[in-house]
């Protein structure tokens, strides 16, 4: 799929975020069994320690960022998107 620039703009915000697992181990040890950080806590850890997170952390953070950027359309709509145009509504979503 060739994503439109409007999607890539949000995606690129995470270019400098390496996926790693050490943060998950560190947090799990500190949080007394809580397994998943919320996005606010991930952002605080990023600012304080330069941490990012594992694939689950980054996926949740990316979805949150898409929502903030106005991409709260239904997933079924985006499953129709291919070849630069949405077959459901004929928009290029650029």
PDB file of N, CA and C in Angstrom:
ATOM      1  N   UNK A   1       0.844  -1.176   0.000  1.00  0.00           N
ATOM      2  CA  UNK A   1       0.000   0.000   0.000  1.00  0.00           C
ATOM      3  C   UNK A   1       0.883   1.230   0.000  1.00  0.00           C
ATOM      4  N   UNK A   2       0.536   2.174  -0.817  1.00  0.00           N
ATOM      5  CA  UNK A   2       1.209   3.460  -0.814  1.00  0.00           C
ATOM      6  C   UNK A   2       0.385   4.396   0.065  1.00  0.00           C
ATOM      7  N   UNK A   3       0.915   4.672   1.236  1.00  0.00           N
ATOM      8  CA  UNK A   3       0.181   5.514   2.189  1.00  0.00           C
ATOM      9  C   UNK A   3       0.220   6.969   1.733  1.00  0.00           C
ATOM     10  N   UNK A   4      -0.876   7.695   1.927  1.00  0.00           N
ATOM     11  CA  UNK A   4      -0.888   9.112   1.576  1.00  0.00           C
ATOM     12  C   UNK A   4      -0.001   9.910   2.545  1.00  0.00           C
ATOM     13  N   UNK A   5       0.402  11.061   2.119  1.00  0.00           N
ATOM     14  CA  UNK A   5       1.289  11.912   2.919  1.00  0.00           C
ATOM     15  C   UNK A   5       0.689  12.224   4.282  1.00  0.00           C
ATOM     16  N   UNK A   6      -0.621  12.355   4.370  1.00  0.00           N
ATOM     17  CA  UNK A   6      -1.256  12.669   5.655  1.00  0.00           C
ATOM     18  C   UNK A   6      -1.042  11.556   6.682  1.00  0.00           C
ATOM     19  N   UNK A   7      -0.991  10.309   6.247  1.00  0.00           N
ATOM     20  CA  UNK A   7      -0.698   9.198   7.154  1.00  0.00           C
ATOM     21  C   UNK A   7       0.794   9.155   7.462  1.00  0.00           C
ATOM     22  N   UNK A   8       1.599   9.351   6.431  1.00  0.00           N
ATOM     23  CA  UNK A   8       3.056   9.318   6.622  1.00  0.00           C
ATOM     24  C   UNK A   8       3.537  10.410   7.574  1.00  0.00           C
ATOM     25  N   UNK A   9       2.847  11.536   7.572  1.00  0.00           N
ATOM     26  CA  UNK A   9       3.224  12.637   8.471  1.00  0.00           C
ATOM     27  C   UNK A   9       3.172  12.173   9.934  1.00  0.00           C
ATOM     28  N   UNK A  10       2.115  11.457  10.291  1.00  0.00           N
ATOM     29  CA  UNK A  10       2.010  10.923  11.650  1.00  0.00           C
ATOM     30  C   UNK A  10       3.031   9.817  11.867  1.00  0.00           C
ATOM     31  N   UNK A  11       3.156   8.923  10.916  1.00  0.00           N
ATOM     32  CA  UNK A  11       4.090   7.798  11.015  1.00  0.00           C
ATOM     33  C   UNK A  11       5.516   8.280  11.250  1.00  0.00           C
ATOM     34  N   UNK A  12       5.912   9.316  10.545  1.00  0.00           N
ATOM     35  CA  UNK A  12       7.295   9.817  10.629  1.00  0.00           C
ATOM     36  C   UNK A  12       7.633  10.433  11.983  1.00  0.00           C
ATOM     37  N   UNK A  13       6.645  10.762  12.764  1.00  0.00           N
ATOM     38  CA  UNK A  13       6.919  11.278  14.114  1.00  0.00           C
ATOM     39  C   UNK A  13       7.673  10.255  14.944  1.00  0.00           C
ATOM     40  N   UNK A  14       7.596   8.990  14.552  1.00  0.00           N
ATOM     41  CA  UNK A  14       8.211   7.900  15.312  1.00  0.00           C
ATOM     42  C   UNK A  14       9.518   7.398  14.692  1.00  0.00           C
ATOM     43  N   UNK A  15      10.031   8.112  13.696  1.00  0.00           N
ATOM     44  CA  UNK A  15      11.265   7.675  13.035  1.00  0.00           C
ATOM     45  C   UNK A  15      12.440   7.544  14.001  1.00  0.00           C
ATOM     46  N   UNK A  16      12.498   8.377  14.999  1.00  0.00           N
ATOM     47  CA  UNK A  16      13.628   8.355  15.945  1.00  0.00           C
ATOM     48  C   UNK A  16      13.339   7.509  17.184  1.00  0.00           C
ATOM     49  N   UNK A  17      12.287   6.711  17.126  1.00  0.00           N
ATOM     50  CA  UNK A  17      11.907   5.878  18.260  1.00  0.00           C
ATOM     51  C   UNK A  17      12.329   4.437  17.995  1.00  0.00           C
ATOM     52  N   UNK A  18      13.440   4.010  18.545  1.00  0.00           N
ATOM     53  CA  UNK A  18      13.834   2.615  18.320  1.00  0.00           C
ATOM     54  C   UNK A  18      12.912   1.668  19.085  1.00  0.00           C
ATOM     55  N   UNK A  19      12.626   0.539  18.477  1.00  0.00           N
ATOM     56  CA  UNK A  19      11.854  -0.477  19.194  1.00  0.00           C
ATOM     57  C   UNK A  19      12.831  -1.278  20.038  1.00  0.00           C
ATOM     58  N   UNK A  20      12.529  -1.386  21.317  1.00  0.00           N
ATOM     59  CA  UNK A  20      13.403  -2.120  22.226  1.00  0.00           C
ATOM     60  C   UNK A  20      12.580  -2.779  23.314  1.00  0.00           C
ATOM     61  N   UNK A  21      13.169  -3.738  23.988  1.00  0.00           N
ATOM     62  CA  UNK A  21      12.433  -4.477  25.015  1.00  0.00           C
ATOM     63  C   UNK A  21      12.922  -4.202  26.428  1.00  0.00           C
ATOM     64  N   UNK A  22      14.034  -3.524  26.576  1.00  0.00           N
ATOM     65  CA  UNK A  22      14.559  -3.263  27.917  1.00  0.00           C
ATOM     66  C   UNK A  22      13.617  -2.403  28.751  1.00  0.00           C
ATOM     67  N   UNK A  23      12.965  -1.457  28.113  1.00  0.00           N
ATOM     68  CA  UNK A  23      12.010  -0.615  28.839  1.00  0.00           C
ATOM     69  C   UNK A  23      10.894  -1.459  29.422  1.00  0.00           C
ATOM     70  N   UNK A  24      10.422  -2.434  28.675  1.00  0.00           N
ATOM     71  CA  UNK A  24       9.341  -3.300  29.143  1.00  0.00           C
ATOM     72  C   UNK A  24       9.770  -4.054  30.409  1.00  0.00           C
ATOM     73  N   UNK A  25      10.975  -4.585  30.395  1.00  0.00           N
ATOM     74  CA  UNK A  25      11.497  -5.313  31.554  1.00  0.00           C
ATOM     75  C   UNK A  25      11.655  -4.369  32.739  1.00  0.00           C
ATOM     76  N   UNK A  26      12.217  -3.197  32.492  1.00  0.00           N
ATOM     77  CA  UNK A  26      12.429  -2.187  33.535  1.00  0.00           C
ATOM     78  C   UNK A  26      11.093  -1.777  34.159  1.00  0.00           C
ATOM     79  N   UNK A  27      10.093  -1.482  33.324  1.00  0.00           N
ATOM     80  CA  UNK A  27       8.804  -1.041  33.831  1.00  0.00           C
ATOM     81  C   UNK A  27       8.083  -2.153  34.577  1.00  0.00           C
ATOM     82  N   UNK A  28       8.101  -3.345  34.038  1.00  0.00           N
ATOM     83  CA  UNK A  28       7.430  -4.477  34.677  1.00  0.00           C
ATOM     84  C   UNK A  28       7.991  -4.708  36.072  1.00  0.00           C
ATOM     85  N   UNK A  29       9.290  -4.564  36.202  1.00  0.00           N
ATOM     86  CA  UNK A  29       9.940  -4.745  37.503  1.00  0.00           C
ATOM     87  C   UNK A  29       9.533  -3.647  38.490  1.00  0.00           C
ATOM     88  N   UNK A  30       9.399  -2.413  37.998  1.00  0.00           N
ATOM     89  CA  UNK A  30       9.047  -1.275  38.861  1.00  0.00           C
ATOM     90  C   UNK A  30       7.559  -1.201  39.190  1.00  0.00           C
ATOM     91  N   UNK A  31       6.707  -1.699  38.306  1.00  0.00           N
ATOM     92  CA  UNK A  31       5.272  -1.455  38.406  1.00  0.00           C
ATOM     93  C   UNK A  31       4.506  -2.532  39.160  1.00  0.00           C
ATOM     94  N   UNK A  32       5.200  -3.412  39.813  1.00  0.00           N
ATOM     95  CA  UNK A  32       4.537  -4.448  40.615  1.00  0.00           C
ATOM     96  C   UNK A  32       3.488  -5.234  39.833  1.00  0.00           C
ATOM     97  N   UNK A  33       3.861  -5.703  38.676  1.00  0.00           N
ATOM     98  CA  UNK A  33       2.981  -6.569  37.907  1.00  0.00           C
ATOM     99  C   UNK A  33       2.162  -5.894  36.830  1.00  0.00           C
ATOM    100  N   UNK A  34       2.091  -4.559  36.809  1.00  0.00           N
ATOM    101  CA  UNK A  34       1.380  -3.890  35.722  1.00  0.00           C
ATOM    102  C   UNK A  34       2.191  -4.102  34.451  1.00  0.00           C
ATOM    103  N   UNK A  35       1.534  -4.577  33.411  1.00  0.00           N
ATOM    104  CA  UNK A  35       2.279  -4.964  32.217  1.00  0.00           C
ATOM    105  C   UNK A  35       2.343  -3.899  31.141  1.00  0.00           C
ATOM    106  N   UNK A  36       1.336  -3.057  31.033  1.00  0.00           N
ATOM    107  CA  UNK A  36       1.303  -2.113  29.927  1.00  0.00           C
ATOM    108  C   UNK A  36       1.275  -0.675  30.425  1.00  0.00           C
ATOM    109  N   UNK A  37       2.182   0.142  29.912  1.00  0.00           N
ATOM    110  CA  UNK A  37       2.170   1.574  30.215  1.00  0.00           C
ATOM    111  C   UNK A  37       1.100   2.255  29.373  1.00  0.00           C
ATOM    112  N   UNK A  38       0.489   3.295  29.923  1.00  0.00           N
ATOM    113  CA  UNK A  38      -0.412   4.085  29.096  1.00  0.00           C
ATOM    114  C   UNK A  38       0.427   5.091  28.312  1.00  0.00           C
ATOM    115  N   UNK A  39      -0.186   5.721  27.331  1.00  0.00           N
ATOM    116  CA  UNK A  39       0.551   6.610  26.431  1.00  0.00           C
ATOM    117  C   UNK A  39       1.159   7.781  27.188  1.00  0.00           C
ATOM    118  N   UNK A  40       0.441   8.330  28.138  1.00  0.00           N
ATOM    119  CA  UNK A  40       0.968   9.451  28.917  1.00  0.00           C
ATOM    120  C   UNK A  40       2.252   9.062  29.631  1.00  0.00           C
ATOM    121  N   UNK A  41       2.274   7.897  30.223  1.00  0.00           N
ATOM    122  CA  UNK A  41       3.476   7.427  30.910  1.00  0.00           C
ATOM    123  C   UNK A  41       4.612   7.158  29.917  1.00  0.00           C
ATOM    124  N   UNK A  42       4.285   6.619  28.746  1.00  0.00           N
ATOM    125  CA  UNK A  42       5.315   6.408  27.723  1.00  0.00           C
ATOM    126  C   UNK A  42       5.936   7.744  27.321  1.00  0.00           C
ATOM    127  N   UNK A  43       5.106   8.768  27.164  1.00  0.00           N
ATOM    128  CA  UNK A  43       5.607  10.093  26.797  1.00  0.00           C
ATOM    129  C   UNK A  43       6.496  10.664  27.902  1.00  0.00           C
ATOM    130  N   UNK A  44       6.086  10.478  29.150  1.00  0.00           N
ATOM    131  CA  UNK A  44       6.907  10.950  30.276  1.00  0.00           C
ATOM    132  C   UNK A  44       8.259  10.235  30.294  1.00  0.00           C
ATOM    133  N   UNK A  45       8.244   8.933  30.096  1.00  0.00           N
ATOM    134  CA  UNK A  45       9.501   8.173  30.069  1.00  0.00           C
ATOM    135  C   UNK A  45      10.377   8.595  28.893  1.00  0.00           C
ATOM    136  N   UNK A  46       9.761   8.927  27.778  1.00  0.00           N
ATOM    137  CA  UNK A  46      10.525   9.393  26.610  1.00  0.00           C
ATOM    138  C   UNK A  46      11.231  10.712  26.946  1.00  0.00           C
ATOM    139  N   UNK A  47      10.509  11.614  27.586  1.00  0.00           N
ATOM    140  CA  UNK A  47      11.090  12.908  27.950  1.00  0.00           C
ATOM    141  C   UNK A  47      12.164  12.763  29.030  1.00  0.00           C
ATOM    142  N   UNK A  48      11.908  11.942  30.032  1.00  0.00           N
ATOM    143  CA  UNK A  48      12.834  11.796  31.159  1.00  0.00           C
ATOM    144  C   UNK A  48      14.068  10.979  30.824  1.00  0.00           C
ATOM    145  N   UNK A  49      13.866   9.852  30.134  1.00  0.00           N
ATOM    146  CA  UNK A  49      14.956   8.889  29.968  1.00  0.00           C
ATOM    147  C   UNK A  49      15.334   8.605  28.517  1.00  0.00           C
ATOM    148  N   UNK A  50      14.602   9.139  27.572  1.00  0.00           N
ATOM    149  CA  UNK A  50      14.873   8.858  26.165  1.00  0.00           C
ATOM    150  C   UNK A  50      14.406   7.484  25.720  1.00  0.00           C
ATOM    151  N   UNK A  51      13.527   6.859  26.505  1.00  0.00           N
ATOM    152  CA  UNK A  51      13.027   5.515  26.198  1.00  0.00           C
ATOM    153  C   UNK A  51      11.921   5.572  25.150  1.00  0.00           C
ATOM    154  N   UNK A  52      11.745   4.462  24.476  1.00  0.00           N
ATOM    155  CA  UNK A  52      10.594   4.342  23.580  1.00  0.00           C
ATOM    156  C   UNK A  52       9.745   3.170  24.049  1.00  0.00           C
ATOM    157  N   UNK A  53      10.002   1.972  23.577  1.00  0.00           N
ATOM    158  CA  UNK A  53       9.236   0.824  24.036  1.00  0.00           C
ATOM    159  C   UNK A  53       9.270  -0.317  23.049  1.00  0.00           C
ATOM    160  N   UNK A  54       8.516  -1.354  23.365  1.00  0.00           N
ATOM    161  CA  UNK A  54       8.475  -2.505  22.472  1.00  0.00           C
ATOM    162  C   UNK A  54       7.369  -2.299  21.431  1.00  0.00           C
ATOM    163  N   UNK A  55       7.110  -3.318  20.644  1.00  0.00           N
ATOM    164  CA  UNK A  55       6.148  -3.189  19.552  1.00  0.00           C
ATOM    165  C   UNK A  55       4.745  -2.839  20.055  1.00  0.00           C
ATOM    166  N   UNK A  56       4.329  -3.383  21.188  1.00  0.00           N
ATOM    167  CA  UNK A  56       2.999  -3.084  21.715  1.00  0.00           C
ATOM    168  C   UNK A  56       2.922  -1.641  22.197  1.00  0.00           C
ATOM    169  N   UNK A  57       3.957  -1.197  22.908  1.00  0.00           N
ATOM    170  CA  UNK A  57       3.995   0.198  23.362  1.00  0.00           C
ATOM    171  C   UNK A  57       3.881   1.151  22.180  1.00  0.00           C
ATOM    172  N   UNK A  58       4.725   0.920  21.184  1.00  0.00           N
ATOM    173  CA  UNK A  58       4.757   1.828  20.044  1.00  0.00           C
ATOM    174  C   UNK A  58       3.481   1.772  19.219  1.00  0.00           C
ATOM    175  N   UNK A  59       2.860   0.612  19.126  1.00  0.00           N
ATOM    176  CA  UNK A  59       1.591   0.509  18.401  1.00  0.00           C
ATOM    177  C   UNK A  59       0.502   1.319  19.100  1.00  0.00           C
ATOM    178  N   UNK A  60       0.421   1.208  20.424  1.00  0.00           N
ATOM    179  CA  UNK A  60      -0.576   1.988  21.167  1.00  0.00           C
ATOM    180  C   UNK A  60      -0.318   3.483  21.045  1.00  0.00           C
ATOM    181  N   UNK A  61       0.948   3.858  21.129  1.00  0.00           N
ATOM    182  CA  UNK A  61       1.317   5.266  21.030  1.00  0.00           C
ATOM    183  C   UNK A  61       1.008   5.799  19.625  1.00  0.00           C
ATOM    184  N   UNK A  62       1.306   5.005  18.604  1.00  0.00           N
ATOM    185  CA  UNK A  62       1.019   5.405  17.232  1.00  0.00           C
ATOM    186  C   UNK A  62      -0.479   5.572  17.008  1.00  0.00           C
ATOM    187  N   UNK A  63      -1.279   4.643  17.492  1.00  0.00           N
ATOM    188  CA  UNK A  63      -2.737   4.767  17.360  1.00  0.00           C
ATOM    189  C   UNK A  63      -3.250   6.017  18.057  1.00  0.00           C
ATOM    190  N   UNK A  64      -2.710   6.312  19.232  1.00  0.00           N
ATOM    191  CA  UNK A  64      -3.091   7.522  19.952  1.00  0.00           C
ATOM    192  C   UNK A  64      -2.733   8.765  19.145  1.00  0.00           C
ATOM    193  N   UNK A  65      -1.574   8.746  18.543  1.00  0.00           N
ATOM    194  CA  UNK A  65      -1.128   9.890  17.737  1.00  0.00           C
ATOM    195  C   UNK A  65      -1.996  10.049  16.490  1.00  0.00           C
ATOM    196  N   UNK A  66      -2.365   8.936  15.858  1.00  0.00           N
ATOM    197  CA  UNK A  66      -3.280   9.008  14.717  1.00  0.00           C
ATOM    198  C   UNK A  66      -4.606   9.630  15.140  1.00  0.00           C
ATOM    199  N   UNK A  67      -5.126   9.244  16.294  1.00  0.00           N
ATOM    200  CA  UNK A  67      -6.374   9.845  16.777  1.00  0.00           C
ATOM    201  C   UNK A  67      -6.215  11.339  17.006  1.00  0.00           C
ATOM    202  N   UNK A  68      -5.106  11.750  17.597  1.00  0.00           N
ATOM    203  CA  UNK A  68      -4.861  13.179  17.835  1.00  0.00           C
ATOM    204  C   UNK A  68      -4.774  13.948  16.521  1.00  0.00           C
ATOM    205  N   UNK A  69      -4.243  13.291  15.495  1.00  0.00           N
ATOM    206  CA  UNK A  69      -4.100  13.937  14.190  1.00  0.00           C
ATOM    207  C   UNK A  69      -5.364  13.832  13.337  1.00  0.00           C
ATOM    208  N   UNK A  70      -6.449  13.325  13.937  1.00  0.00           N
ATOM    209  CA  UNK A  70      -7.724  13.287  13.234  1.00  0.00           C
ATOM    210  C   UNK A  70      -7.992  12.012  12.469  1.00  0.00           C
ATOM    211  N   UNK A  71      -7.185  11.007  12.651  1.00  0.00           N
ATOM    212  CA  UNK A  71      -7.385   9.741  11.934  1.00  0.00           C
ATOM    213  C   UNK A  71      -8.192   8.777  12.775  1.00  0.00           C
ATOM    214  N   UNK A  72      -9.383   9.164  13.136  1.00  0.00           N
ATOM    215  CA  UNK A  72     -10.223   8.289  13.950  1.00  0.00           C
ATOM    216  C   UNK A  72     -11.333   7.669  13.122  1.00  0.00           C
ATOM    217  N   UNK A  73     -11.086   7.531  11.819  1.00  0.00           N
ATOM    218  CA  UNK A  73     -12.051   6.864  10.945  1.00  0.00           C
ATOM    219  C   UNK A  73     -12.042   5.367  11.233  1.00  0.00           C
ATOM    220  N   UNK A  74     -13.065   4.697  10.823  1.00  0.00           N
ATOM    221  CA  UNK A  74     -13.154   3.261  11.086  1.00  0.00           C
ATOM    222  C   UNK A  74     -12.089   2.506  10.309  1.00  0.00           C
ATOM    223  N   UNK A  75     -11.600   1.447  10.898  1.00  0.00           N
ATOM    224  CA  UNK A  75     -10.591   0.623  10.259  1.00  0.00           C
ATOM    225  C   UNK A  75     -11.138  -0.016   8.991  1.00  0.00           C
ATOM    226  N   UNK A  76     -12.421  -0.311   8.979  1.00  0.00           N
ATOM    227  CA  UNK A  76     -12.992  -0.929   7.781  1.00  0.00           C
ATOM    228  C   UNK A  76     -12.867   0.005   6.584  1.00  0.00           C
ATOM    229  N   UNK A  77     -12.942   1.311   6.832  1.00  0.00           N
ATOM    230  CA  UNK A  77     -12.771   2.266   5.742  1.00  0.00           C
ATOM    231  C   UNK A  77     -11.364   2.157   5.169  1.00  0.00           C
ATOM    232  N   UNK A  78     -10.361   2.087   6.024  1.00  0.00           N
ATOM    233  CA  UNK A  78      -8.981   2.073   5.541  1.00  0.00           C
ATOM    234  C   UNK A  78      -8.595   0.741   4.923  1.00  0.00           C
ATOM    235  N   UNK A  79      -9.334  -0.317   5.218  1.00  0.00           N
ATOM    236  CA  UNK A  79      -9.039  -1.586   4.577  1.00  0.00           C
ATOM    237  C   UNK A  79      -9.418  -1.538   3.093  1.00  0.00           C
ATOM    238  N   UNK A  80     -10.191  -0.550   2.714  1.00  0.00           N
ATOM    239  CA  UNK A  80     -10.590  -0.377   1.316  1.00  0.00           C
ATOM    240  C   UNK A  80      -9.564   0.422   0.513  1.00  0.00           C
ATOM    241  N   UNK A  81      -8.534   0.942   1.184  1.00  0.00           N
ATOM    242  CA  UNK A  81      -7.583   1.860   0.565  1.00  0.00           C
ATOM    243  C   UNK A  81      -6.495   1.101  -0.173  1.00  0.00           C
ATOM    244  N   UNK A  82      -6.330   1.386  -1.437  1.00  0.00           N
ATOM    245  CA  UNK A  82      -5.236   0.776  -2.186  1.00  0.00           C
ATOM    246  C   UNK A  82      -4.963   1.600  -3.435  1.00  0.00           C
ATOM    247  N   UNK A  83      -3.775   1.485  -3.935  1.00  0.00           N
ATOM    248  CA  UNK A  83      -3.359   2.137  -5.171  1.00  0.00           C
ATOM    249  C   UNK A  83      -3.610   3.636  -5.167  1.00  0.00           C
ATOM    250  N   UNK A  84      -3.447   4.260  -4.014  1.00  0.00           N
ATOM    251  CA  UNK A  84      -3.528   5.708  -3.938  1.00  0.00           C
ATOM    252  C   UNK A  84      -4.928   6.286  -3.848  1.00  0.00           C
ATOM    253  N   UNK A  85      -5.956   5.466  -3.970  1.00  0.00           N
ATOM    254  CA  UNK A  85      -7.328   5.956  -3.866  1.00  0.00           C
ATOM    255  C   UNK A  85      -8.152   4.984  -3.026  1.00  0.00           C
ATOM    256  N   UNK A  86      -9.055   5.515  -2.265  1.00  0.00           N
ATOM    257  CA  UNK A  86      -9.947   4.693  -1.465  1.00  0.00           C
ATOM    258  C   UNK A  86     -11.083   4.208  -2.362  1.00  0.00           C
ATOM    259  N   UNK A  87     -11.228   2.897  -2.476  1.00  0.00           N
ATOM    260  CA  UNK A  87     -12.263   2.361  -3.356  1.00  0.00           C
ATOM    261  C   UNK A  87     -13.661   2.556  -2.777  1.00  0.00           C
ATOM    262  N   UNK A  88     -13.735   2.868  -1.490  1.00  0.00           N
ATOM    263  CA  UNK A  88     -15.038   3.049  -0.847  1.00  0.00           C
ATOM    264  C   UNK A  88     -15.614   4.443  -1.108  1.00  0.00           C
ATOM    265  N   UNK A  89     -14.733   5.469  -1.048  1.00  0.00           N
ATOM    266  CA  UNK A  89     -15.257   6.825  -1.215  1.00  0.00           C
ATOM    267  C   UNK A  89     -14.569   7.583  -2.338  1.00  0.00           C
ATOM    268  N   UNK A  90     -13.656   6.944  -3.055  1.00  0.00           N
ATOM    269  CA  UNK A  90     -12.943   7.516  -4.214  1.00  0.00           C
ATOM    270  C   UNK A  90     -12.056   8.691  -3.853  1.00  0.00           C
ATOM    271  N   UNK A  91     -11.686   8.835  -2.592  1.00  0.00           N
ATOM    272  CA  UNK A  91     -10.814   9.931  -2.181  1.00  0.00           C
ATOM    273  C   UNK A  91      -9.367   9.456  -2.171  1.00  0.00           C
ATOM    274  N   UNK A  92      -8.451  10.395  -2.381  1.00  0.00           N
ATOM    275  CA  UNK A  92      -7.037  10.052  -2.262  1.00  0.00           C
ATOM    276  C   UNK A  92      -6.543  10.261  -0.837  1.00  0.00           C
ATOM    277  N   UNK A  93      -7.330  10.910   0.026  1.00  0.00           N
ATOM    278  CA  UNK A  93      -7.005  11.154   1.424  1.00  0.00           C
ATOM    279  C   UNK A  93      -5.646  11.814   1.604  1.00  0.00           C
ATOM    280  N   UNK A  94      -5.346  12.774   0.771  1.00  0.00           N
ATOM    281  CA  UNK A  94      -4.076  13.491   0.887  1.00  0.00           C
ATOM    282  C   UNK A  94      -4.259  14.803   1.584  1.00  0.00           C
TER     283      UNK A  94
END
